[in-house]
Amino acid sequence: MNLRLSLPLILFLITVPQSIQGSIFQISSTTLSPKSPPYSFVSPLSGNVFPLGYYSVSLQIGNPPRDFTFDIDTGSDLTWVQCDAPCSGCTVYKPKSNTVPCSEPICSALHWPQKPECPDPKDQCDYEVEYADQGSSMGALVVDQFSLKLLDGSSLVPRLAFGCDYDQHFPSAHPPPATVGVLGLGKGKISILTQLVSAGLTRNVLGHCLSSKGGGFLFFGDSVIPSTVVSWTALVSPNNHYTSGPAELLYNGKPTGLSGLKLIFDSGSSYTYFNSKTYQAIVDLIVNDLKGKPLKEVKEDKTLAICWKGAKPLKSVLEVKNLFKTLTINLKNGRTNSQLQIPPESYLIVSKTGNVCLGILNGSEVGLQDSNVIGDISMQGTMVIYGNEKQQLGWVSADCDKLPK
C-alpha cells in the first residue's frame, strides 16, 4: 500500500497573500517558450500498481539541474524531496542558502490556520506533514528552479517553493518507495500547480493517464484534453481533496443498494478503498458471483486481503477477467448522470505466486474512517482530469502508453 492522502488535520492552505508572487515566482527568461502563456506541461511517468505500488515522475531541480524522482500525489499539497536519510541509492537535494524564512507570507500560508512557531522571523520555515497511512514527513521550506517540459518540446524554469525533507517515518509494514520525494498535486496554495497558476503560467487544470502496462503521463494545463467525449462531474469538497459525489455503485450494471458515497480521487494511493459497510457489500457480491467458478480463496497468499487460486498459476488478470463483473460508479451531476466504469482489470492484480487478488480494500482498517478513495488501480487506462477552474472532475478512456503531442 502506498497511501499518501493527507489527514484532515493538516490540510494546509486556503489562501495565500498575493505578495508572495514577487518573491517566489520568478522565471528564467533564457528558456521561455516562444509561445505566450498559459502553457501546457507534460511529463512521462514510470511505475505500476503491482508490484511497485506507485507512479512517479522525474523532474530537474537546481542550477545545474539534477534529476529527482517524485511519487505523484493528488491527495496532498506539499511537494518535497529528500535532503537526508532514509534516502538510499537516490539523489539527495542539498540546499544552498535558499531556505524560506518564517517572515515570508508563503510560510504563513503553509501553516494556516495556525501560525509558524518562529522565535526569530529569520528562522527557517519548518513543517511536518502526516499522511493517512500513519506516515509522516518533516523538513524546511526552500525555493529553487524547476525545469518543466512544455507540450511544444521547449522548457520553462520557474522558481518554486517545496519541502527539503530530513526526517520521514513510514508504517513498518509498508517500506518507503524508492522515489526521492512526493509531488503534491492537491488544490492547496502550496501545490506546484497552484504556484504555476498564481504566476500566470498555466491553466488551473491537471491530469494523469496511468497505463496498466506501467508508466503513462502527467500534465498541467488543458491543451491535451479532448474537446469531446469527456465525462464530467462536480467536485464537492470544501477542502483540498478532489472529492466527487454522491455516487451510487452498480455491479454488473445492476443497483447494489450502495449510494450516497463521496469519493476522493487520489493518485498517491495504489489501491481503491471503501468504508467498511461498502467494502463488505462489494466483497459479498464478488464472492457470491464466484460460486461454482474455478477459483478458490487462498488464505496463504498475504499480498492483499483476499486472493483466489486457479487451476494453475496465473500470469495476467486477463486470464480470469471473464469470471468477474464490472463495477460502475454512477455520479449524479445535476439532471445528468456520469458513469465511471471499473472493469475487473481495474480492481484485480495477480500476485507473485500467480493468484488473483482483490485491489479493493477496507479503508476503515487503515485510518480512513468513512472515506472512500479511488486509487491508481481503478484509474488505469483512463485520462483523469482535475478541473479546478470549474470545480469539476473528468475522465475519458485513453491510450496512456503514448505521450501527447
Protein backbone atom coordinates (compact mmCIF):
# COMPACT_ATOMS: atom_id res chain seq x y z
CA MET A 1 0.00 0.00 0.00
CA ASN A 2 1.19 3.46 -0.82
CA LEU A 3 -1.48 5.79 0.54
CA ARG A 4 -0.48 9.44 0.51
CA LEU A 5 -3.80 11.05 1.43
CA SER A 6 -3.14 13.93 3.81
CA LEU A 7 -5.04 13.79 7.07
CA PRO A 8 -7.75 16.45 7.51
CA LEU A 9 -6.00 17.99 10.50
CA ILE A 10 -3.11 19.13 8.31
CA LEU A 11 -4.84 20.26 5.15
CA PHE A 12 -2.70 23.32 4.91
CA LEU A 13 -3.77 26.09 2.69
CA ILE A 14 -6.86 28.09 1.91
CA THR A 15 -5.47 31.50 0.94
CA VAL A 16 -2.07 32.89 0.07
CA PRO A 17 -1.39 36.63 0.00
CA GLN A 18 -0.61 37.90 -3.49
CA SER A 19 2.59 39.47 -2.16
CA ILE A 20 4.36 36.10 -2.27
CA GLN A 21 4.31 36.11 -6.05
CA GLY A 22 7.05 38.67 -6.36
CA SER A 23 9.47 36.82 -4.09
CA ILE A 24 8.81 33.22 -5.13
CA PHE A 25 7.51 33.08 -8.67
CA GLN A 26 10.46 34.08 -10.84
CA ILE A 27 11.03 32.77 -14.37
CA SER A 28 14.30 32.26 -16.18
CA SER A 29 13.99 34.36 -19.33
CA THR A 30 16.57 32.31 -21.22
CA THR A 31 14.40 29.23 -21.63
CA LEU A 32 10.94 30.63 -22.19
CA SER A 33 8.82 29.02 -24.86
CA PRO A 34 8.33 31.20 -27.94
CA LYS A 35 4.63 30.89 -27.27
CA SER A 36 2.87 33.05 -24.70
CA PRO A 37 1.19 31.70 -21.55
CA PRO A 38 -0.85 29.94 -20.42
CA TYR A 39 1.36 26.94 -21.17
CA SER A 40 0.72 23.21 -21.02
CA PHE A 41 3.31 20.94 -19.42
CA VAL A 42 3.55 17.19 -19.93
CA SER A 43 5.89 14.61 -18.36
CA PRO A 44 6.20 10.84 -18.81
CA LEU A 45 5.52 8.62 -15.82
CA SER A 46 7.14 5.42 -14.59
CA GLY A 47 5.81 2.78 -12.22
CA ASN A 48 2.83 0.48 -11.80
CA VAL A 49 0.22 -0.63 -9.27
CA PHE A 50 1.82 -4.01 -8.61
CA PRO A 51 4.46 -4.94 -7.66
CA LEU A 52 5.93 -1.42 -7.41
CA GLY A 53 2.91 0.30 -5.83
CA TYR A 54 3.24 3.85 -7.20
CA TYR A 55 3.62 6.01 -10.31
CA SER A 56 6.45 8.52 -10.42
CA VAL A 57 7.71 11.47 -12.47
CA SER A 58 11.30 12.65 -12.97
CA LEU A 59 11.88 16.42 -12.73
CA GLN A 60 15.02 18.54 -12.74
CA ILE A 61 15.73 20.95 -9.89
CA GLY A 62 18.51 23.47 -9.33
CA ASN A 63 21.33 25.03 -11.34
CA PRO A 64 22.99 23.00 -12.68
CA PRO A 65 19.82 20.88 -12.91
CA ARG A 66 19.72 17.45 -11.28
CA ASP A 67 17.11 14.73 -11.74
CA PHE A 68 14.74 13.94 -8.87
CA THR A 69 12.02 11.29 -8.89
CA PHE A 70 8.65 12.03 -7.28
CA ASP A 71 5.68 9.91 -6.30
CA ILE A 72 2.75 11.78 -7.92
CA ASP A 73 0.08 12.53 -5.33
CA THR A 74 -3.25 14.30 -5.83
CA GLY A 75 -4.06 13.53 -2.18
CA SER A 76 -1.60 16.05 -0.69
CA ASP A 77 -0.34 19.57 -1.41
CA LEU A 78 3.28 19.95 -0.38
CA THR A 79 5.98 18.81 -2.80
CA TRP A 80 9.12 17.62 -1.02
CA VAL A 81 12.46 15.99 -1.80
CA GLN A 82 14.74 14.03 0.48
CA CYS A 83 17.61 16.04 1.92
CA ASP A 84 18.93 13.34 4.23
CA ALA A 85 18.41 9.70 5.29
CA PRO A 86 16.45 7.43 4.83
CA CYS A 87 17.15 8.10 1.15
CA SER A 88 19.06 5.03 -0.06
CA GLY A 89 20.58 4.93 -3.53
CA CYS A 90 18.75 8.06 -4.69
CA THR A 91 19.64 11.68 -5.36
CA VAL A 92 19.72 13.81 -2.22
CA TYR A 93 18.87 17.51 -2.51
CA LYS A 94 21.36 19.85 -0.83
CA PRO A 95 20.04 23.36 -0.06
CA LYS A 96 22.30 26.33 -0.73
CA SER A 97 21.13 29.27 1.39
CA ASN A 98 17.70 29.02 -0.23
CA THR A 99 15.54 28.12 2.75
CA VAL A 100 12.40 30.22 3.16
CA PRO A 101 12.41 32.39 6.31
CA CYS A 102 9.45 32.40 8.68
CA SER A 103 8.72 36.01 7.75
CA GLU A 104 7.71 35.06 4.18
CA PRO A 105 3.93 35.01 3.56
CA ILE A 106 4.22 31.60 1.93
CA CYS A 107 5.42 30.17 5.24
CA SER A 108 2.35 31.57 6.99
CA ALA A 109 0.20 30.13 4.22
CA LEU A 110 1.82 26.72 4.65
CA HIS A 111 0.88 26.65 8.34
CA TRP A 112 -2.57 28.24 8.02
CA PRO A 113 -4.81 28.36 10.07
CA GLN A 114 -2.04 28.08 12.68
CA LYS A 115 0.95 30.39 12.72
CA PRO A 116 4.58 29.29 12.25
CA GLU A 117 6.42 28.75 15.50
CA CYS A 118 9.32 31.11 14.92
CA PRO A 119 11.16 32.77 17.82
CA ASP A 120 13.11 34.71 15.19
CA PRO A 121 11.48 35.83 11.86
CA LYS A 122 14.75 34.93 10.15
CA ASP A 123 14.45 31.28 11.24
CA GLN A 124 13.79 28.75 8.50
CA CYS A 125 10.19 27.76 7.76
CA ASP A 126 9.80 24.25 9.20
CA TYR A 127 6.90 21.87 8.52
CA GLU A 128 5.56 18.45 9.41
CA VAL A 129 3.11 16.53 7.23
CA GLU A 130 1.14 13.49 8.39
CA TYR A 131 -0.46 11.05 5.94
CA ALA A 132 -3.46 8.78 6.24
CA ASP A 133 -1.28 5.64 6.32
CA GLN A 134 0.37 6.95 9.53
CA GLY A 135 3.48 8.02 7.63
CA SER A 136 4.94 11.49 8.14
CA SER A 137 7.41 13.92 6.61
CA MET A 138 9.37 16.70 8.34
CA GLY A 139 11.63 19.37 6.89
CA ALA A 140 12.11 23.00 5.88
CA LEU A 141 10.61 25.02 3.04
CA VAL A 142 13.05 26.03 0.26
CA VAL A 143 12.87 27.75 -3.14
CA ASP A 144 14.68 26.62 -6.29
CA GLN A 145 14.18 26.42 -10.02
CA PHE A 146 12.34 23.55 -11.69
CA SER A 147 12.91 22.66 -15.34
CA LEU A 148 9.49 21.83 -16.79
CA LYS A 149 8.88 20.47 -20.30
CA LEU A 150 6.21 22.20 -22.35
CA LEU A 151 3.96 20.46 -24.82
CA ASP A 152 5.86 22.04 -27.72
CA GLY A 153 9.14 20.49 -26.51
CA SER A 154 10.69 23.65 -25.07
CA SER A 155 11.32 24.23 -21.36
CA LEU A 156 10.33 26.69 -18.68
CA VAL A 157 12.34 27.25 -15.49
CA PRO A 158 10.18 28.77 -12.74
CA ARG A 159 11.37 29.14 -9.15
CA LEU A 160 9.00 27.22 -6.90
CA ALA A 161 8.64 26.56 -3.17
CA PHE A 162 8.92 22.96 -1.93
CA GLY A 163 9.99 20.97 1.09
CA CYS A 164 13.55 19.92 1.89
CA ASP A 165 12.83 16.79 3.87
CA TYR A 166 15.18 15.47 6.53
CA ASP A 167 13.02 13.15 8.65
CA GLN A 168 10.46 10.62 7.42
CA HIS A 169 8.51 7.86 9.09
CA PHE A 170 6.67 5.08 7.30
CA PRO A 171 4.39 2.35 8.62
CA SER A 172 6.54 -0.66 9.44
CA ALA A 173 4.50 -2.91 7.16
CA HIS A 174 4.98 -0.56 4.21
CA PRO A 175 8.58 0.45 3.46
CA PRO A 176 9.17 3.79 1.70
CA PRO A 177 9.08 3.83 -2.10
CA ALA A 178 12.34 4.31 -3.98
CA THR A 179 11.28 7.78 -5.08
CA VAL A 180 13.18 10.75 -3.74
CA GLY A 181 10.04 12.61 -2.71
CA VAL A 182 6.38 13.44 -3.27
CA LEU A 183 4.90 15.76 -5.92
CA GLY A 184 1.94 17.37 -4.16
CA LEU A 185 -0.86 17.87 -6.69
CA GLY A 186 -3.71 18.81 -4.35
CA LYS A 187 -5.76 22.01 -4.51
CA GLY A 188 -3.87 23.86 -1.76
CA LYS A 189 -1.91 27.03 -2.44
CA ILE A 190 1.46 25.39 -1.78
CA SER A 191 0.96 22.79 -4.55
CA ILE A 192 3.15 23.04 -7.65
CA LEU A 193 0.13 23.60 -9.90
CA THR A 194 -1.26 26.42 -7.78
CA GLN A 195 2.13 28.15 -7.75
CA LEU A 196 2.32 27.93 -11.55
CA VAL A 197 -1.25 29.23 -11.86
CA SER A 198 -0.52 32.12 -9.46
CA ALA A 199 2.40 33.10 -11.70
CA GLY A 200 0.10 33.13 -14.74
CA LEU A 201 1.96 30.27 -16.42
CA THR A 202 -0.78 27.66 -16.87
CA ARG A 203 -4.47 26.99 -16.50
CA ASN A 204 -5.71 25.57 -13.19
CA VAL A 205 -6.09 22.07 -14.64
CA LEU A 206 -4.03 18.93 -14.22
CA GLY A 207 -4.43 15.31 -15.10
CA HIS A 208 -2.81 11.93 -15.45
CA CYS A 209 -3.08 8.85 -17.61
CA LEU A 210 -1.88 5.68 -15.85
CA SER A 211 -1.06 2.71 -18.06
CA SER A 212 -1.90 -0.82 -16.93
CA LYS A 213 1.36 -1.85 -18.63
CA GLY A 214 3.30 0.58 -16.47
CA GLY A 215 4.10 4.25 -16.97
CA GLY A 216 1.82 6.86 -18.51
CA PHE A 217 1.93 10.66 -18.37
CA LEU A 218 1.17 13.67 -16.16
CA PHE A 219 0.06 17.06 -17.46
CA PHE A 220 -0.62 20.62 -16.32
CA GLY A 221 -2.88 22.83 -18.45
CA ASP A 222 -5.76 21.96 -20.76
CA SER A 223 -4.16 21.52 -24.20
CA VAL A 224 -4.12 17.69 -24.13
CA ILE A 225 -7.76 17.30 -23.04
CA PRO A 226 -10.08 16.01 -25.80
CA SER A 227 -12.70 18.55 -26.82
CA THR A 228 -15.45 15.89 -26.71
CA VAL A 229 -16.36 12.55 -25.06
CA VAL A 230 -15.05 13.54 -21.62
CA SER A 231 -17.41 12.65 -18.77
CA TRP A 232 -17.58 15.39 -16.11
CA THR A 233 -18.87 15.55 -12.58
CA ALA A 234 -18.73 18.28 -9.94
CA LEU A 235 -16.06 18.47 -7.24
CA VAL A 236 -17.90 18.85 -3.96
CA SER A 237 -15.21 19.03 -1.28
CA PRO A 238 -14.57 22.35 0.50
CA ASN A 239 -11.09 21.14 1.49
CA ASN A 240 -8.07 20.28 -0.63
CA HIS A 241 -9.09 16.77 -1.64
CA TYR A 242 -10.53 16.02 -5.07
CA THR A 243 -13.91 14.74 -3.90
CA SER A 244 -16.96 13.91 -6.02
CA GLY A 245 -20.39 12.52 -5.25
CA PRO A 246 -22.89 11.49 -4.13
CA ALA A 247 -22.29 8.26 -6.03
CA GLU A 248 -24.18 5.03 -6.48
CA LEU A 249 -22.43 1.69 -7.06
CA LEU A 250 -23.60 -0.78 -9.68
CA TYR A 251 -22.35 -4.35 -10.08
CA ASN A 252 -22.74 -5.93 -13.48
CA GLY A 253 -24.94 -2.96 -14.40
CA LYS A 254 -27.39 -3.63 -11.57
CA PRO A 255 -28.03 -1.46 -8.47
CA THR A 256 -26.32 -2.69 -5.31
CA GLY A 257 -28.21 -0.50 -2.86
CA LEU A 258 -24.94 1.31 -2.12
CA SER A 259 -25.49 5.02 -2.66
CA GLY A 260 -24.74 8.47 -1.27
CA LEU A 261 -20.99 7.81 -1.43
CA LYS A 262 -18.45 10.61 -1.60
CA LEU A 263 -15.29 9.59 -3.43
CA ILE A 264 -11.76 11.01 -3.14
CA PHE A 265 -9.60 10.57 -6.26
CA ASP A 266 -6.05 10.03 -5.01
CA SER A 267 -3.09 9.17 -7.26
CA GLY A 268 -0.98 8.64 -4.13
CA SER A 269 -2.99 5.53 -3.28
CA SER A 270 -2.10 2.29 -5.05
CA TYR A 271 -5.47 0.66 -4.36
CA THR A 272 -9.11 1.64 -4.02
CA TYR A 273 -10.62 1.88 -0.52
CA PHE A 274 -14.23 1.89 0.65
CA ASN A 275 -15.70 2.25 4.13
CA SER A 276 -16.41 -0.99 6.00
CA LYS A 277 -20.08 -1.30 5.02
CA THR A 278 -19.48 -0.64 1.32
CA TYR A 279 -16.36 -2.80 1.22
CA GLN A 280 -18.10 -5.79 2.77
CA ALA A 281 -21.06 -5.45 0.41
CA ILE A 282 -18.71 -5.46 -2.61
CA VAL A 283 -16.82 -8.49 -1.30
CA ASP A 284 -20.10 -10.36 -0.74
CA LEU A 285 -21.24 -9.61 -4.30
CA ILE A 286 -17.95 -10.84 -5.78
CA VAL A 287 -17.72 -13.96 -3.58
CA ASN A 288 -21.31 -14.95 -4.32
CA ASP A 289 -20.73 -14.43 -8.02
CA LEU A 290 -17.68 -16.72 -7.93
CA LYS A 291 -19.63 -19.70 -6.57
CA GLY A 292 -19.35 -22.61 -8.96
CA LYS A 293 -16.47 -20.99 -10.84
CA PRO A 294 -12.90 -22.42 -10.98
CA LEU A 295 -11.40 -20.10 -8.37
CA LYS A 296 -10.93 -20.84 -4.68
CA GLU A 297 -9.98 -18.40 -1.92
CA VAL A 298 -6.43 -18.96 -0.72
CA LYS A 299 -5.52 -17.83 2.81
CA GLU A 300 -1.77 -18.40 2.42
CA ASP A 301 -1.31 -15.51 -0.02
CA LYS A 302 -0.95 -12.32 2.05
CA THR A 303 -0.37 -9.99 -0.91
CA LEU A 304 -3.77 -8.38 -0.33
CA ALA A 305 -6.72 -9.08 1.97
CA ILE A 306 -8.45 -11.54 -0.40
CA CYS A 307 -6.82 -13.74 -3.06
CA TRP A 308 -8.11 -16.62 -5.17
CA LYS A 309 -6.27 -19.58 -6.66
CA GLY A 310 -6.96 -21.06 -10.08
CA ALA A 311 -6.18 -24.48 -11.51
CA LYS A 312 -2.70 -23.20 -12.38
CA PRO A 313 -0.70 -20.06 -11.55
CA LEU A 314 -1.90 -17.01 -13.45
CA LYS A 315 0.29 -14.61 -15.41
CA SER A 316 -2.31 -11.94 -16.14
CA VAL A 317 -5.67 -10.70 -14.87
CA LEU A 318 -6.91 -11.06 -18.44
CA GLU A 319 -6.92 -14.85 -17.97
CA VAL A 320 -9.76 -14.64 -15.41
CA LYS A 321 -11.43 -11.29 -16.07
CA ASN A 322 -14.45 -13.07 -17.57
CA LEU A 323 -15.11 -14.63 -14.14
CA PHE A 324 -15.65 -11.19 -12.58
CA LYS A 325 -18.08 -8.36 -13.30
CA THR A 326 -17.65 -4.64 -13.90
CA LEU A 327 -18.20 -2.18 -11.06
CA THR A 328 -19.77 1.11 -12.11
CA ILE A 329 -19.66 4.38 -10.21
CA ASN A 330 -22.78 6.36 -11.08
CA LEU A 331 -22.30 10.04 -10.23
CA LYS A 332 -25.29 12.34 -10.24
CA ASN A 333 -24.40 15.70 -11.75
CA GLY A 334 -27.48 17.90 -11.72
CA ARG A 335 -30.03 16.33 -14.02
CA THR A 336 -27.49 14.07 -15.70
CA ASN A 337 -25.52 11.05 -14.55
CA SER A 338 -21.85 10.37 -15.31
CA GLN A 339 -20.57 6.82 -15.09
CA LEU A 340 -17.05 5.66 -14.37
CA GLN A 341 -16.61 2.02 -15.37
CA ILE A 342 -14.24 -0.09 -13.27
CA PRO A 343 -13.75 -3.39 -15.14
CA PRO A 344 -12.16 -6.40 -13.38
CA GLU A 345 -8.68 -5.50 -14.64
CA SER A 346 -9.08 -2.19 -12.78
CA TYR A 347 -9.73 -3.79 -9.40
CA LEU A 348 -7.69 -7.02 -9.55
CA ILE A 349 -3.97 -7.84 -9.55
CA VAL A 350 -2.03 -11.09 -9.99
CA SER A 351 0.30 -11.82 -7.08
CA LYS A 352 3.86 -13.09 -7.38
CA THR A 353 2.63 -16.62 -6.72
CA GLY A 354 0.11 -16.47 -9.56
CA ASN A 355 -3.09 -15.89 -7.59
CA VAL A 356 -5.64 -13.20 -8.39
CA CYS A 357 -6.20 -10.68 -5.57
CA LEU A 358 -8.81 -8.02 -4.91
CA GLY A 359 -7.37 -4.50 -5.16
CA ILE A 360 -10.34 -3.02 -3.31
CA LEU A 361 -9.61 -2.71 0.40
CA ASN A 362 -11.30 -1.77 3.66
CA GLY A 363 -10.44 1.89 4.25
CA SER A 364 -11.70 1.78 7.82
CA GLU A 365 -8.81 -0.55 8.66
CA VAL A 366 -6.14 1.95 7.54
CA GLY A 367 -7.43 5.07 9.26
CA LEU A 368 -9.73 6.43 6.54
CA GLN A 369 -12.83 6.16 8.75
CA ASP A 370 -15.84 6.65 6.46
CA SER A 371 -13.89 8.00 3.46
CA ASN A 372 -13.85 6.26 0.08
CA VAL A 373 -10.74 6.55 -2.08
CA ILE A 374 -10.39 5.81 -5.78
CA GLY A 375 -6.74 4.80 -6.21
CA ASP A 376 -4.38 4.12 -9.09
CA ILE A 377 -5.66 0.61 -9.77
CA SER A 378 -9.11 1.93 -10.73
CA MET A 379 -7.77 4.83 -12.84
CA GLN A 380 -5.64 2.73 -15.20
CA GLY A 381 -6.30 3.19 -18.91
CA THR A 382 -8.17 6.43 -18.21
CA MET A 383 -7.23 10.08 -18.58
CA VAL A 384 -8.37 11.62 -15.30
CA ILE A 385 -8.73 15.42 -15.33
CA TYR A 386 -8.81 17.62 -12.24
CA GLY A 387 -10.50 20.80 -13.50
CA ASN A 388 -10.02 23.27 -10.67
CA GLU A 389 -11.19 26.29 -12.67
CA LYS A 390 -14.72 24.92 -12.97
CA GLN A 391 -14.50 22.69 -9.88
CA GLN A 392 -15.10 19.54 -11.86
CA LEU A 393 -13.54 16.12 -12.35
CA GLY A 394 -13.41 14.47 -15.76
CA TRP A 395 -12.39 11.15 -17.27
CA VAL A 396 -12.14 9.50 -20.66
CA SER A 397 -10.69 6.19 -21.88
CA ALA A 398 -7.26 6.82 -23.37
CA ASP A 399 -4.07 5.22 -24.65
CA CYS A 400 -1.83 6.03 -21.72
CA ASP A 401 1.21 4.46 -23.40
CA LYS A 402 1.57 7.35 -25.85
CA LEU A 403 2.83 10.76 -24.76
CA PRO A 404 0.54 13.51 -26.13
CA LYS A 405 1.98 15.97 -28.65
